């Protein structure tokens, strides 16, 4: 009887080992810190692929004439994207000299690379422009065959509900709400700043018990990265992807 009990325990622990996995590495705005790179640039996307990240996070805005651009801030070099036309935005350059990429250009390059896409729809001043940004982003992702590799994120409740209803892809909410409320909204995962998980120490466990994933941003220090790993989160969004990959490799 004792031997059989020991055997059952071994099977259980073996099963846990199979299902347990290290957090996935999400490069925040690509791998933009190396020389010659820049946030949300094609170079940052390619560099992220070269170091072996699991996914690349990017931010999108739609302009007044319907083109979707990849940029974190509302403006680029003082040009407010959602109120400018496509020709005006296209003249602007990133800090590394690259043209600001359209979402089509960015996703076309991404389609030939390994990392998945974490696409953030930014909160627009005009809610109708925001709706258009959601719809155009979904259309481009689907057209290029990237839906199986794409997760959508947003701070906007309006955009989030639209993404859940229309994309058919995983959706993560950036505005921190309690796990049960997040589940009711139709999220597949929480995508919260590490501050919120530190403040609510049971949330990671609560989210997992609800069948939701956990993404933590933007985690850069070795101490915080190790804390996230130890807590069993599913995704870590970081500006230091090579450091996180090194820590994960040394833990194996």
Protein backbone atom coordinates (compact mmCIF):
# COMPACT_ATOMS: atom_id res chain seq x y z
CA UNK A 1 0.00 0.00 0.00
CA UNK A 2 2.82 2.38 0.90
CA UNK A 3 4.61 1.71 -2.40
CA UNK A 4 1.42 2.38 -4.32
CA UNK A 5 0.91 5.66 -2.44
CA UNK A 6 4.46 6.73 -3.25
CA UNK A 7 3.89 5.85 -6.90
CA UNK A 8 0.73 7.98 -7.03
CA UNK A 9 2.61 10.92 -5.52
CA UNK A 10 5.33 10.55 -8.13
CA UNK A 11 2.75 10.62 -10.91
CA UNK A 12 1.10 13.73 -9.44
CA UNK A 13 4.38 15.62 -9.12
CA UNK A 14 5.41 14.56 -12.61
CA UNK A 15 2.14 15.96 -13.93
CA UNK A 16 2.70 19.24 -12.14
CA UNK A 17 6.16 19.49 -13.66
CA UNK A 18 4.70 18.97 -17.13
CA UNK A 19 2.12 21.73 -16.73
CA UNK A 20 4.39 24.19 -14.88
CA UNK A 21 6.30 26.50 -17.18
CA UNK A 22 8.48 29.54 -16.91
CA UNK A 23 6.95 32.97 -17.59
CA UNK A 24 6.91 34.11 -21.19
CA UNK A 25 9.18 37.05 -21.98
CA UNK A 26 7.42 40.08 -23.49
CA UNK A 27 9.73 42.80 -24.82
CA UNK A 28 8.11 46.13 -23.92
CA UNK A 29 7.98 48.24 -27.12
CA UNK A 30 10.47 45.79 -28.58
CA UNK A 31 14.13 45.49 -27.59
CA UNK A 32 14.81 49.21 -27.81
CA UNK A 33 17.79 49.79 -25.52
CA UNK A 34 20.63 48.53 -27.77
CA UNK A 35 22.47 51.08 -29.89
CA UNK A 36 20.64 51.88 -33.11
CA UNK A 37 17.28 50.80 -31.78
CA UNK A 38 14.27 52.84 -30.63
CA UNK A 39 10.96 52.18 -28.94
CA UNK A 40 8.35 50.65 -31.25
CA UNK A 41 10.78 50.59 -34.15
CA UNK A 42 11.29 47.85 -36.73
CA UNK A 43 14.84 47.57 -35.41
CA UNK A 44 13.49 46.94 -31.90
CA UNK A 45 11.21 44.22 -33.27
CA UNK A 46 14.03 42.49 -35.14
CA UNK A 47 16.39 42.83 -32.18
CA UNK A 48 13.79 41.30 -29.85
CA UNK A 49 13.53 38.32 -32.18
CA UNK A 50 17.31 37.94 -32.26
CA UNK A 51 17.60 37.54 -28.47
CA UNK A 52 14.79 34.99 -28.25
CA UNK A 53 11.85 36.78 -26.61
CA UNK A 54 8.43 35.13 -26.69
CA UNK A 55 6.47 38.24 -27.65
CA UNK A 56 6.83 41.90 -28.56
CA UNK A 57 4.52 44.57 -27.15
CA UNK A 58 3.59 47.55 -29.33
CA UNK A 59 1.26 50.56 -29.14
CA UNK A 60 -1.08 51.83 -31.84
CA UNK A 61 -2.91 55.02 -32.80
CA UNK A 62 -5.11 55.79 -35.79
CA UNK A 63 -4.77 59.07 -37.68
CA UNK A 64 -7.54 61.26 -39.06
CA UNK A 65 -7.42 59.55 -42.45
CA UNK A 66 -7.53 55.98 -41.18
CA UNK A 67 -3.92 54.79 -41.10
CA UNK A 68 -2.83 52.95 -37.96
CA UNK A 69 0.64 53.83 -36.64
CA UNK A 70 2.92 52.18 -34.09
CA UNK A 71 3.95 54.70 -31.44
CA UNK A 72 3.68 54.90 -27.67
CA UNK A 73 2.96 58.60 -27.17
CA UNK A 74 -0.10 60.43 -28.46
CA UNK A 75 2.25 62.55 -30.55
CA UNK A 76 5.47 62.04 -32.43
CA UNK A 77 7.78 65.04 -32.45
CA UNK A 78 4.84 67.25 -31.58
CA UNK A 79 2.51 65.87 -34.27
CA UNK A 80 -0.65 64.53 -32.59
CA UNK A 81 -1.32 61.32 -34.50
CA UNK A 82 -5.09 60.99 -34.15
CA UNK A 83 -5.72 64.53 -35.42
CA UNK A 84 -3.12 64.55 -38.22
CA UNK A 85 -3.40 63.11 -41.72
CA UNK A 86 -1.32 60.20 -42.97
CA UNK A 87 1.05 62.30 -45.07
CA UNK A 88 1.93 64.49 -42.09
CA UNK A 89 2.59 61.57 -39.75
CA UNK A 90 4.63 59.71 -42.38
CA UNK A 91 7.19 62.52 -42.48
CA UNK A 92 8.15 61.96 -38.84
CA UNK A 93 11.13 59.93 -37.69
CA UNK A 94 11.87 57.89 -34.58
CA UNK A 95 14.89 58.63 -32.38
CA UNK A 96 17.03 56.17 -34.35
CA UNK A 97 16.16 57.82 -37.67
CA UNK A 98 13.64 55.21 -38.83
CA UNK A 99 10.32 56.39 -40.24
CA UNK A 100 7.48 55.88 -37.80
CA UNK A 101 6.12 52.46 -38.80
CA UNK A 102 2.57 51.86 -39.88
CA UNK A 103 0.93 48.90 -38.20
CA UNK A 104 0.81 47.18 -41.59
CA UNK A 105 4.58 47.55 -42.00
CA UNK A 106 5.27 46.42 -38.44
CA UNK A 107 3.05 43.34 -38.67
CA UNK A 108 4.38 42.41 -42.10
CA UNK A 109 7.88 42.23 -40.66
CA UNK A 110 6.59 40.45 -37.54
CA UNK A 111 4.93 37.79 -39.66
CA UNK A 112 8.35 36.54 -40.78
CA UNK A 113 9.77 36.49 -37.23
CA UNK A 114 9.19 34.17 -34.27
CA UNK A 115 7.80 36.37 -31.46
CA UNK A 116 4.10 36.70 -30.83
CA UNK A 117 2.41 40.11 -30.84
CA UNK A 118 0.96 41.95 -27.83
CA UNK A 119 -0.92 44.85 -29.40
CA UNK A 120 -2.02 47.75 -27.22
CA UNK A 121 -4.77 49.99 -28.52
CA UNK A 122 -4.12 53.36 -26.92
CA UNK A 123 -6.89 55.43 -25.35
CA UNK A 124 -7.85 58.04 -27.96
CA UNK A 125 -9.35 61.44 -27.14
CA UNK A 126 -12.12 60.74 -29.66
CA UNK A 127 -13.98 57.54 -28.78
CA UNK A 128 -15.07 57.02 -32.40
CA UNK A 129 -11.45 57.20 -33.54
CA UNK A 130 -10.67 54.67 -30.85
CA UNK A 131 -13.37 52.36 -32.23
CA UNK A 132 -11.81 52.78 -35.66
CA UNK A 133 -8.37 51.93 -34.25
CA UNK A 134 -9.74 48.72 -32.74
CA UNK A 135 -11.49 47.68 -35.94
CA UNK A 136 -8.56 48.54 -38.21
CA UNK A 137 -6.10 46.71 -35.97
CA UNK A 138 -8.23 43.58 -35.93
CA UNK A 139 -8.63 43.73 -39.70
CA UNK A 140 -4.88 44.02 -40.30
CA UNK A 141 -4.04 41.22 -37.86
CA UNK A 142 -6.57 38.96 -39.54
CA UNK A 143 -5.52 39.91 -43.08
CA UNK A 144 -1.89 39.04 -42.34
CA UNK A 145 -2.79 35.74 -40.67
CA UNK A 146 -1.46 36.81 -37.27
CA UNK A 147 -4.59 36.25 -35.17
CA UNK A 148 -3.25 32.96 -33.69
CA UNK A 149 -0.16 34.86 -32.51
CA UNK A 150 -1.81 38.06 -31.25
CA UNK A 151 -3.01 39.22 -27.85
CA UNK A 152 -4.77 42.57 -27.47
CA UNK A 153 -4.33 44.87 -24.48
CA UNK A 154 -5.71 48.28 -23.56
CA UNK A 155 -6.39 50.65 -20.67
CA UNK A 156 -9.69 51.70 -22.25
CA UNK A 157 -12.81 49.89 -21.01
CA UNK A 158 -14.59 50.81 -24.25
CA UNK A 159 -11.80 49.47 -26.46
CA UNK A 160 -11.46 46.37 -24.29
CA UNK A 161 -15.12 45.44 -24.61
CA UNK A 162 -14.92 45.96 -28.37
CA UNK A 163 -11.79 43.78 -28.62
CA UNK A 164 -13.44 41.00 -26.63
CA UNK A 165 -16.56 41.16 -28.80
CA UNK A 166 -14.85 41.40 -32.19
CA UNK A 167 -11.29 40.04 -32.21
CA UNK A 168 -11.65 36.38 -31.23
CA UNK A 169 -8.15 36.69 -29.74
CA UNK A 170 -6.90 36.72 -26.15
CA UNK A 171 -7.54 40.07 -24.47
CA UNK A 172 -5.82 41.44 -21.38
CA UNK A 173 -7.01 44.49 -19.41
CA UNK A 174 -4.42 47.02 -18.24
CA UNK A 175 -6.69 48.89 -15.82
CA UNK A 176 -6.47 47.04 -12.50
CA UNK A 177 -9.81 45.62 -11.38
CA UNK A 178 -10.46 42.75 -8.99
CA UNK A 179 -10.12 39.23 -10.45
CA UNK A 180 -13.83 38.36 -10.34
CA UNK A 181 -14.75 41.58 -12.16
CA UNK A 182 -12.05 40.94 -14.76
CA UNK A 183 -13.45 37.46 -15.37
CA UNK A 184 -16.92 38.93 -15.87
CA UNK A 185 -15.55 41.39 -18.45
CA UNK A 186 -14.40 38.51 -20.64
CA UNK A 187 -10.65 38.94 -20.18
CA UNK A 188 -8.28 36.04 -20.72
CA UNK A 189 -5.66 37.55 -18.42
CA UNK A 190 -4.83 40.46 -16.15
CA UNK A 191 -2.07 42.72 -17.41
CA UNK A 192 -1.31 44.90 -14.40
CA UNK A 193 1.61 46.95 -13.14
CA UNK A 194 3.64 45.07 -10.54
CA UNK A 195 2.53 47.67 -7.97
CA UNK A 196 -0.98 46.21 -7.97
CA UNK A 197 0.21 42.66 -7.41
CA UNK A 198 2.46 43.79 -4.57
CA UNK A 199 -0.50 45.61 -3.03
CA UNK A 200 -2.87 42.64 -3.45
CA UNK A 201 -0.77 39.55 -2.66
CA UNK A 202 -3.58 37.05 -3.32
CA UNK A 203 -4.49 38.32 -6.78
CA UNK A 204 -2.10 36.05 -8.71
CA UNK A 205 -3.54 32.98 -7.01
CA UNK A 206 -7.10 34.31 -7.35
CA UNK A 207 -6.65 34.95 -11.07
CA UNK A 208 -5.24 31.48 -11.68
CA UNK A 209 -8.10 29.89 -9.76
CA UNK A 210 -10.50 31.74 -12.07
CA UNK A 211 -8.69 30.35 -15.09
CA UNK A 212 -7.12 33.70 -16.00
CA UNK A 213 -3.51 34.36 -16.91
CA UNK A 214 -1.25 36.91 -15.25
CA UNK A 215 0.92 39.43 -17.10
CA UNK A 216 3.02 41.88 -15.07
CA UNK A 217 4.52 45.12 -16.36
CA UNK A 218 6.96 46.81 -16.61
CA UNK A 219 9.40 44.70 -14.63
CA UNK A 220 13.08 45.59 -14.97
CA UNK A 221 15.10 45.03 -11.78
CA UNK A 222 16.58 41.60 -11.03
CA UNK A 223 14.75 41.54 -7.69
CA UNK A 224 11.35 42.25 -9.24
CA UNK A 225 11.94 39.81 -12.09
CA UNK A 226 12.79 37.02 -9.64
CA UNK A 227 9.75 37.90 -7.52
CA UNK A 228 7.48 37.51 -10.54
CA UNK A 229 9.08 34.19 -11.44
CA UNK A 230 8.72 32.91 -7.88
CA UNK A 231 5.07 34.00 -7.78
CA UNK A 232 4.30 31.94 -10.87
CA UNK A 233 3.11 34.65 -13.26
CA UNK A 234 2.52 33.69 -16.87
CA UNK A 235 3.99 36.69 -18.71
CA UNK A 236 6.55 39.32 -17.75
CA UNK A 237 6.66 42.52 -19.78
CA UNK A 238 10.07 44.09 -19.48
CA UNK A 239 12.48 46.67 -20.88
CA UNK A 240 15.29 44.23 -20.02
CA UNK A 241 14.46 41.10 -22.05
CA UNK A 242 18.04 39.80 -22.17
CA UNK A 243 18.35 40.06 -18.38
CA UNK A 244 15.10 38.17 -17.89
CA UNK A 245 16.13 35.47 -20.37
CA UNK A 246 19.46 35.11 -18.52
CA UNK A 247 17.69 34.79 -15.14
CA UNK A 248 15.27 32.20 -16.51
CA UNK A 249 18.11 30.23 -18.09
CA UNK A 250 20.11 30.14 -14.86
CA UNK A 251 17.07 28.87 -12.97
CA UNK A 252 16.67 25.78 -15.15
